[in-house]
Amino acid sequence: TAVYYCVVLKYYSHYVVLRTSVSY
């Protein structure tokens, strides 16, 4: 249960994805 957000990422990673990775 949560609000789900779609995002555009600055780059793809298969190791770690942070809020700072998001551009939109």
PDB file of all heavy atoms in Angstrom:
ATOM      1  N   THR A   1       0.832  -1.196   0.000  1.00  0.00           N
ATOM      2  CA  THR A   1       0.000   0.000   0.000  1.00  0.00           C
ATOM      3  C   THR A   1       0.873   1.254   0.000  1.00  0.00           C
ATOM      4  O   THR A   1       1.721   1.436   0.877  1.00  0.00           O
ATOM      5  CB  THR A   1      -0.928   0.014   1.214  1.00  0.00           C
ATOM      6  OG1 THR A   1      -1.857  -1.068   1.122  1.00  0.00           O
ATOM      7  CG2 THR A   1      -1.706   1.323   1.298  1.00  0.00           C
ATOM      8  N   ALA A   2       0.661   2.100  -1.006  1.00  0.00           N
ATOM      9  CA  ALA A   2       1.490   3.295  -1.163  1.00  0.00           C
ATOM     10  C   ALA A   2       0.977   4.103  -2.342  1.00  0.00           C
ATOM     11  O   ALA A   2       0.159   3.627  -3.137  1.00  0.00           O
ATOM     12  CB  ALA A   2       2.953   2.919  -1.401  1.00  0.00           C
ATOM     13  N   VAL A   3       1.479   5.316  -2.470  1.00  0.00           N
ATOM     14  CA  VAL A   3       1.346   6.077  -3.701  1.00  0.00           C
ATOM     15  C   VAL A   3       2.513   5.687  -4.598  1.00  0.00           C
ATOM     16  O   VAL A   3       3.672   5.745  -4.172  1.00  0.00           O
ATOM     17  CB  VAL A   3       1.348   7.590  -3.448  1.00  0.00           C
ATOM     18  CG1 VAL A   3       1.298   8.356  -4.769  1.00  0.00           C
ATOM     19  CG2 VAL A   3       0.164   7.981  -2.570  1.00  0.00           C
ATOM     20  N   TYR A   4       2.210   5.281  -5.817  1.00  0.00           N
ATOM     21  CA  TYR A   4       3.225   4.833  -6.766  1.00  0.00           C
ATOM     22  C   TYR A   4       3.501   5.929  -7.787  1.00  0.00           C
ATOM     23  O   TYR A   4       2.573   6.487  -8.378  1.00  0.00           O
ATOM     24  CB  TYR A   4       2.774   3.552  -7.470  1.00  0.00           C
ATOM     25  CG  TYR A   4       2.912   2.333  -6.596  1.00  0.00           C
ATOM     26  CD1 TYR A   4       2.064   2.130  -5.516  1.00  0.00           C
ATOM     27  CD2 TYR A   4       3.916   1.393  -6.830  1.00  0.00           C
ATOM     28  CE1 TYR A   4       2.204   1.031  -4.693  1.00  0.00           C
ATOM     29  CE2 TYR A   4       4.055   0.286  -6.012  1.00  0.00           C
ATOM     30  CZ  TYR A   4       3.200   0.106  -4.945  1.00  0.00           C
ATOM     31  OH  TYR A   4       3.347  -1.001  -4.139  1.00  0.00           O
ATOM     32  N   TYR A   5       4.779   6.218  -7.996  1.00  0.00           N
ATOM     33  CA  TYR A   5       5.217   7.290  -8.874  1.00  0.00           C
ATOM     34  C   TYR A   5       6.017   6.739 -10.043  1.00  0.00           C
ATOM     35  O   TYR A   5       6.969   5.985  -9.845  1.00  0.00           O
ATOM     36  CB  TYR A   5       6.106   8.281  -8.120  1.00  0.00           C
ATOM     37  CG  TYR A   5       5.414   8.993  -6.985  1.00  0.00           C
ATOM     38  CD1 TYR A   5       5.430   8.462  -5.701  1.00  0.00           C
ATOM     39  CD2 TYR A   5       4.761  10.200  -7.196  1.00  0.00           C
ATOM     40  CE1 TYR A   5       4.802   9.114  -4.658  1.00  0.00           C
ATOM     41  CE2 TYR A   5       4.128  10.856  -6.157  1.00  0.00           C
ATOM     42  CZ  TYR A   5       4.160  10.309  -4.887  1.00  0.00           C
ATOM     43  OH  TYR A   5       3.538  10.957  -3.849  1.00  0.00           O
ATOM     44  N   CYS A   6       5.647   7.131 -11.232  1.00  0.00           N
ATOM     45  CA  CYS A   6       6.432   6.864 -12.429  1.00  0.00           C
ATOM     46  C   CYS A   6       7.541   7.902 -12.532  1.00  0.00           C
ATOM     47  O   CYS A   6       7.331   9.073 -12.211  1.00  0.00           O
ATOM     48  CB  CYS A   6       5.517   6.929 -13.645  1.00  0.00           C
ATOM     49  SG  CYS A   6       6.316   6.669 -15.225  1.00  0.00           S
ATOM     50  N   VAL A   7       8.727   7.485 -12.977  1.00  0.00           N
ATOM     51  CA  VAL A   7       9.856   8.404 -13.052  1.00  0.00           C
ATOM     52  C   VAL A   7      10.665   8.212 -14.320  1.00  0.00           C
ATOM     53  O   VAL A   7      10.737   7.110 -14.868  1.00  0.00           O
ATOM     54  CB  VAL A   7      10.804   8.252 -11.839  1.00  0.00           C
ATOM     55  CG1 VAL A   7      10.075   8.540 -10.540  1.00  0.00           C
ATOM     56  CG2 VAL A   7      11.440   6.865 -11.805  1.00  0.00           C
ATOM     57  N   VAL A   8      11.274   9.303 -14.769  1.00  0.00           N
ATOM     58  CA  VAL A   8      12.342   9.267 -15.759  1.00  0.00           C
ATOM     59  C   VAL A   8      13.658   9.328 -14.999  1.00  0.00           C
ATOM     60  O   VAL A   8      13.832  10.185 -14.130  1.00  0.00           O
ATOM     61  CB  VAL A   8      12.250  10.440 -16.741  1.00  0.00           C
ATOM     62  CG1 VAL A   8      13.448  10.440 -17.696  1.00  0.00           C
ATOM     63  CG2 VAL A   8      10.951  10.386 -17.530  1.00  0.00           C
ATOM     64  N   LEU A   9      14.568   8.439 -15.310  1.00  0.00           N
ATOM     65  CA  LEU A   9      15.855   8.388 -14.648  1.00  0.00           C
ATOM     66  C   LEU A   9      16.938   9.033 -15.501  1.00  0.00           C
ATOM     67  O   LEU A   9      16.886   8.981 -16.728  1.00  0.00           O
ATOM     68  CB  LEU A   9      16.240   6.943 -14.331  1.00  0.00           C
ATOM     69  CG  LEU A   9      15.316   6.256 -13.313  1.00  0.00           C
ATOM     70  CD1 LEU A   9      15.563   4.758 -13.301  1.00  0.00           C
ATOM     71  CD2 LEU A   9      15.539   6.834 -11.923  1.00  0.00           C
ATOM     72  N   LYS A  10      17.928   9.614 -14.829  1.00  0.00           N
ATOM     73  CA  LYS A  10      19.040  10.239 -15.523  1.00  0.00           C
ATOM     74  C   LYS A  10      19.908   9.209 -16.237  1.00  0.00           C
ATOM     75  O   LYS A  10      20.557   9.526 -17.230  1.00  0.00           O
ATOM     76  CB  LYS A  10      19.887  11.039 -14.530  1.00  0.00           C
ATOM     77  CG  LYS A  10      19.141  12.169 -13.858  1.00  0.00           C
ATOM     78  CD  LYS A  10      19.986  12.812 -12.781  1.00  0.00           C
ATOM     79  CE  LYS A  10      19.212  13.886 -12.047  1.00  0.00           C
ATOM     80  NZ  LYS A  10      19.995  14.471 -10.936  1.00  0.00           N
ATOM     81  N   TYR A  11      19.899   7.981 -15.705  1.00  0.00           N
ATOM     82  CA  TYR A  11      20.690   6.899 -16.259  1.00  0.00           C
ATOM     83  C   TYR A  11      20.143   5.593 -15.699  1.00  0.00           C
ATOM     84  O   TYR A  11      19.484   5.582 -14.662  1.00  0.00           O
ATOM     85  CB  TYR A  11      22.179   7.047 -15.899  1.00  0.00           C
ATOM     86  CG  TYR A  11      22.399   7.392 -14.445  1.00  0.00           C
ATOM     87  CD1 TYR A  11      22.390   6.408 -13.474  1.00  0.00           C
ATOM     88  CD2 TYR A  11      22.607   8.713 -14.050  1.00  0.00           C
ATOM     89  CE1 TYR A  11      22.568   6.721 -12.133  1.00  0.00           C
ATOM     90  CE2 TYR A  11      22.789   9.036 -12.718  1.00  0.00           C
ATOM     91  CZ  TYR A  11      22.768   8.034 -11.760  1.00  0.00           C
ATOM     92  OH  TYR A  11      22.948   8.361 -10.445  1.00  0.00           O
ATOM     93  N   TYR A  12      20.440   4.490 -16.382  1.00  0.00           N
ATOM     94  CA  TYR A  12      20.009   3.184 -15.905  1.00  0.00           C
ATOM     95  C   TYR A  12      21.063   2.579 -14.985  1.00  0.00           C
ATOM     96  O   TYR A  12      22.259   2.673 -15.247  1.00  0.00           O
ATOM     97  CB  TYR A  12      19.756   2.226 -17.070  1.00  0.00           C
ATOM     98  CG  TYR A  12      19.445   0.829 -16.609  1.00  0.00           C
ATOM     99  CD1 TYR A  12      18.187   0.518 -16.113  1.00  0.00           C
ATOM    100  CD2 TYR A  12      20.411  -0.167 -16.623  1.00  0.00           C
ATOM    101  CE1 TYR A  12      17.895  -0.754 -15.657  1.00  0.00           C
ATOM    102  CE2 TYR A  12      20.125  -1.445 -16.167  1.00  0.00           C
ATOM    103  CZ  TYR A  12      18.872  -1.729 -15.683  1.00  0.00           C
ATOM    104  OH  TYR A  12      18.581  -2.990 -15.224  1.00  0.00           O
ATOM    105  N   SER A  13      20.597   1.927 -13.916  1.00  0.00           N
ATOM    106  CA  SER A  13      21.482   1.205 -13.014  1.00  0.00           C
ATOM    107  C   SER A  13      20.816  -0.087 -12.577  1.00  0.00           C
ATOM    108  O   SER A  13      19.606  -0.112 -12.325  1.00  0.00           O
ATOM    109  CB  SER A  13      21.820   2.053 -11.790  1.00  0.00           C
ATOM    110  OG  SER A  13      22.591   1.311 -10.858  1.00  0.00           O
ATOM    111  N   HIS A  14      21.599  -1.157 -12.472  1.00  0.00           N
ATOM    112  CA  HIS A  14      21.108  -2.418 -11.916  1.00  0.00           C
ATOM    113  C   HIS A  14      21.734  -2.690 -10.556  1.00  0.00           C
ATOM    114  O   HIS A  14      21.720  -3.830 -10.083  1.00  0.00           O
ATOM    115  CB  HIS A  14      21.371  -3.582 -12.878  1.00  0.00           C
ATOM    116  CG  HIS A  14      22.818  -3.808 -13.194  1.00  0.00           C
ATOM    117  ND1 HIS A  14      23.444  -3.192 -14.257  1.00  0.00           N
ATOM    118  CD2 HIS A  14      23.749  -4.588 -12.604  1.00  0.00           C
ATOM    119  CE1 HIS A  14      24.702  -3.580 -14.292  1.00  0.00           C
ATOM    120  NE2 HIS A  14      24.912  -4.427 -13.299  1.00  0.00           N
ATOM    121  N   TYR A  15      22.244  -1.652  -9.915  1.00  0.00           N
ATOM    122  CA  TYR A  15      22.902  -1.773  -8.629  1.00  0.00           C
ATOM    123  C   TYR A  15      22.199  -0.962  -7.539  1.00  0.00           C
ATOM    124  O   TYR A  15      21.884  -1.493  -6.468  1.00  0.00           O
ATOM    125  CB  TYR A  15      24.371  -1.352  -8.743  1.00  0.00           C
ATOM    126  CG  TYR A  15      25.144  -1.474  -7.455  1.00  0.00           C
ATOM    127  CD1 TYR A  15      25.380  -2.717  -6.878  1.00  0.00           C
ATOM    128  CD2 TYR A  15      25.645  -0.347  -6.817  1.00  0.00           C
ATOM    129  CE1 TYR A  15      26.088  -2.835  -5.695  1.00  0.00           C
ATOM    130  CE2 TYR A  15      26.360  -0.457  -5.637  1.00  0.00           C
ATOM    131  CZ  TYR A  15      26.580  -1.697  -5.078  1.00  0.00           C
ATOM    132  OH  TYR A  15      27.289  -1.803  -3.903  1.00  0.00           O
ATOM    133  N   VAL A  16      21.978   0.323  -7.781  1.00  0.00           N
ATOM    134  CA  VAL A  16      21.300   1.168  -6.810  1.00  0.00           C
ATOM    135  C   VAL A  16      20.591   2.305  -7.545  1.00  0.00           C
ATOM    136  O   VAL A  16      21.127   2.854  -8.512  1.00  0.00           O
ATOM    137  CB  VAL A  16      22.284   1.715  -5.756  1.00  0.00           C
ATOM    138  CG1 VAL A  16      23.343   2.612  -6.398  1.00  0.00           C
ATOM    139  CG2 VAL A  16      21.541   2.465  -4.652  1.00  0.00           C
ATOM    140  N   VAL A  17      19.384   2.631  -7.096  1.00  0.00           N
ATOM    141  CA  VAL A  17      18.613   3.732  -7.667  1.00  0.00           C
ATOM    142  C   VAL A  17      18.135   4.609  -6.515  1.00  0.00           C
ATOM    143  O   VAL A  17      17.407   4.148  -5.632  1.00  0.00           O
ATOM    144  CB  VAL A  17      17.419   3.237  -8.495  1.00  0.00           C
ATOM    145  CG1 VAL A  17      16.674   4.428  -9.096  1.00  0.00           C
ATOM    146  CG2 VAL A  17      17.883   2.294  -9.603  1.00  0.00           C
ATOM    147  N   LEU A  18      18.534   5.857  -6.534  1.00  0.00           N
ATOM    148  CA  LEU A  18      18.218   6.813  -5.483  1.00  0.00           C
ATOM    149  C   LEU A  18      17.276   7.896  -6.001  1.00  0.00           C
ATOM    150  O   LEU A  18      17.089   8.046  -7.210  1.00  0.00           O
ATOM    151  CB  LEU A  18      19.494   7.470  -4.959  1.00  0.00           C
ATOM    152  CG  LEU A  18      20.600   6.529  -4.487  1.00  0.00           C
ATOM    153  CD1 LEU A  18      21.845   7.330  -4.151  1.00  0.00           C
ATOM    154  CD2 LEU A  18      20.143   5.711  -3.297  1.00  0.00           C
ATOM    155  N   ARG A  19      16.697   8.683  -5.084  1.00  0.00           N
ATOM    156  CA  ARG A  19      15.865   9.809  -5.487  1.00  0.00           C
ATOM    157  C   ARG A  19      16.641  10.796  -6.339  1.00  0.00           C
ATOM    158  O   ARG A  19      16.073  11.427  -7.239  1.00  0.00           O
ATOM    159  CB  ARG A  19      15.291  10.519  -4.260  1.00  0.00           C
ATOM    160  CG  ARG A  19      14.265   9.701  -3.501  1.00  0.00           C
ATOM    161  CD  ARG A  19      13.707  10.485  -2.340  1.00  0.00           C
ATOM    162  NE  ARG A  19      12.983  11.665  -2.784  1.00  0.00           N
ATOM    163  CZ  ARG A  19      12.477  12.585  -1.984  1.00  0.00           C
ATOM    164  NH1 ARG A  19      12.599  12.458  -0.674  1.00  0.00           N
ATOM    165  NH2 ARG A  19      11.835  13.631  -2.488  1.00  0.00           N
ATOM    166  N   THR A  20      17.936  10.921  -6.089  1.00  0.00           N
ATOM    167  CA  THR A  20      18.767  11.826  -6.864  1.00  0.00           C
ATOM    168  C   THR A  20      19.015  11.324  -8.279  1.00  0.00           C
ATOM    169  O   THR A  20      19.549  12.064  -9.103  1.00  0.00           O
ATOM    170  CB  THR A  20      20.103  12.070  -6.163  1.00  0.00           C
ATOM    171  OG1 THR A  20      20.728  10.819  -5.862  1.00  0.00           O
ATOM    172  CG2 THR A  20      19.901  12.845  -4.866  1.00  0.00           C
ATOM    173  N   SER A  21      18.648  10.075  -8.569  1.00  0.00           N
ATOM    174  CA  SER A  21      18.762   9.534  -9.914  1.00  0.00           C
ATOM    175  C   SER A  21      17.604   9.964 -10.816  1.00  0.00           C
ATOM    176  O   SER A  21      17.649   9.715 -12.023  1.00  0.00           O
ATOM    177  CB  SER A  21      18.800   8.001  -9.873  1.00  0.00           C
ATOM    178  OG  SER A  21      19.843   7.525  -9.050  1.00  0.00           O
ATOM    179  N   VAL A  22      16.572  10.580 -10.241  1.00  0.00           N
ATOM    180  CA  VAL A  22      15.343  10.898 -10.955  1.00  0.00           C
ATOM    181  C   VAL A  22      15.409  12.292 -11.556  1.00  0.00           C
ATOM    182  O   VAL A  22      15.775  13.253 -10.876  1.00  0.00           O
ATOM    183  CB  VAL A  22      14.130  10.804 -10.015  1.00  0.00           C
ATOM    184  CG1 VAL A  22      12.852  11.226 -10.732  1.00  0.00           C
ATOM    185  CG2 VAL A  22      13.994   9.391  -9.467  1.00  0.00           C
ATOM    186  N   SER A  23      15.040  12.398 -12.827  1.00  0.00           N
ATOM    187  CA  SER A  23      14.971  13.702 -13.476  1.00  0.00           C
ATOM    188  C   SER A  23      13.544  14.241 -13.578  1.00  0.00           C
ATOM    189  O   SER A  23      13.340  15.460 -13.571  1.00  0.00           O
ATOM    190  CB  SER A  23      15.606  13.649 -14.868  1.00  0.00           C
ATOM    191  OG  SER A  23      14.973  12.685 -15.691  1.00  0.00           O
ATOM    192  N   TYR A  24      12.537  13.353 -13.681  1.00  0.00           N
ATOM    193  CA  TYR A  24      11.138  13.758 -13.740  1.00  0.00           C
ATOM    194  C   TYR A  24      10.285  12.791 -12.941  1.00  0.00           C
ATOM    195  O   TYR A  24      10.525  11.574 -12.958  1.00  0.00           O
ATOM    196  CB  TYR A  24      10.618  13.792 -15.178  1.00  0.00           C
ATOM    197  CG  TYR A  24      11.277  14.822 -16.054  1.00  0.00           C
ATOM    198  CD1 TYR A  24      12.346  14.484 -16.863  1.00  0.00           C
ATOM    199  CD2 TYR A  24      10.821  16.140 -16.066  1.00  0.00           C
ATOM    200  CE1 TYR A  24      12.958  15.432 -17.668  1.00  0.00           C
ATOM    201  CE2 TYR A  24      11.430  17.093 -16.866  1.00  0.00           C
ATOM    202  CZ  TYR A  24      12.493  16.731 -17.663  1.00  0.00           C
ATOM    203  OH  TYR A  24      13.098  17.665 -18.461  1.00  0.00           O
TER     204      TYR A  24
END
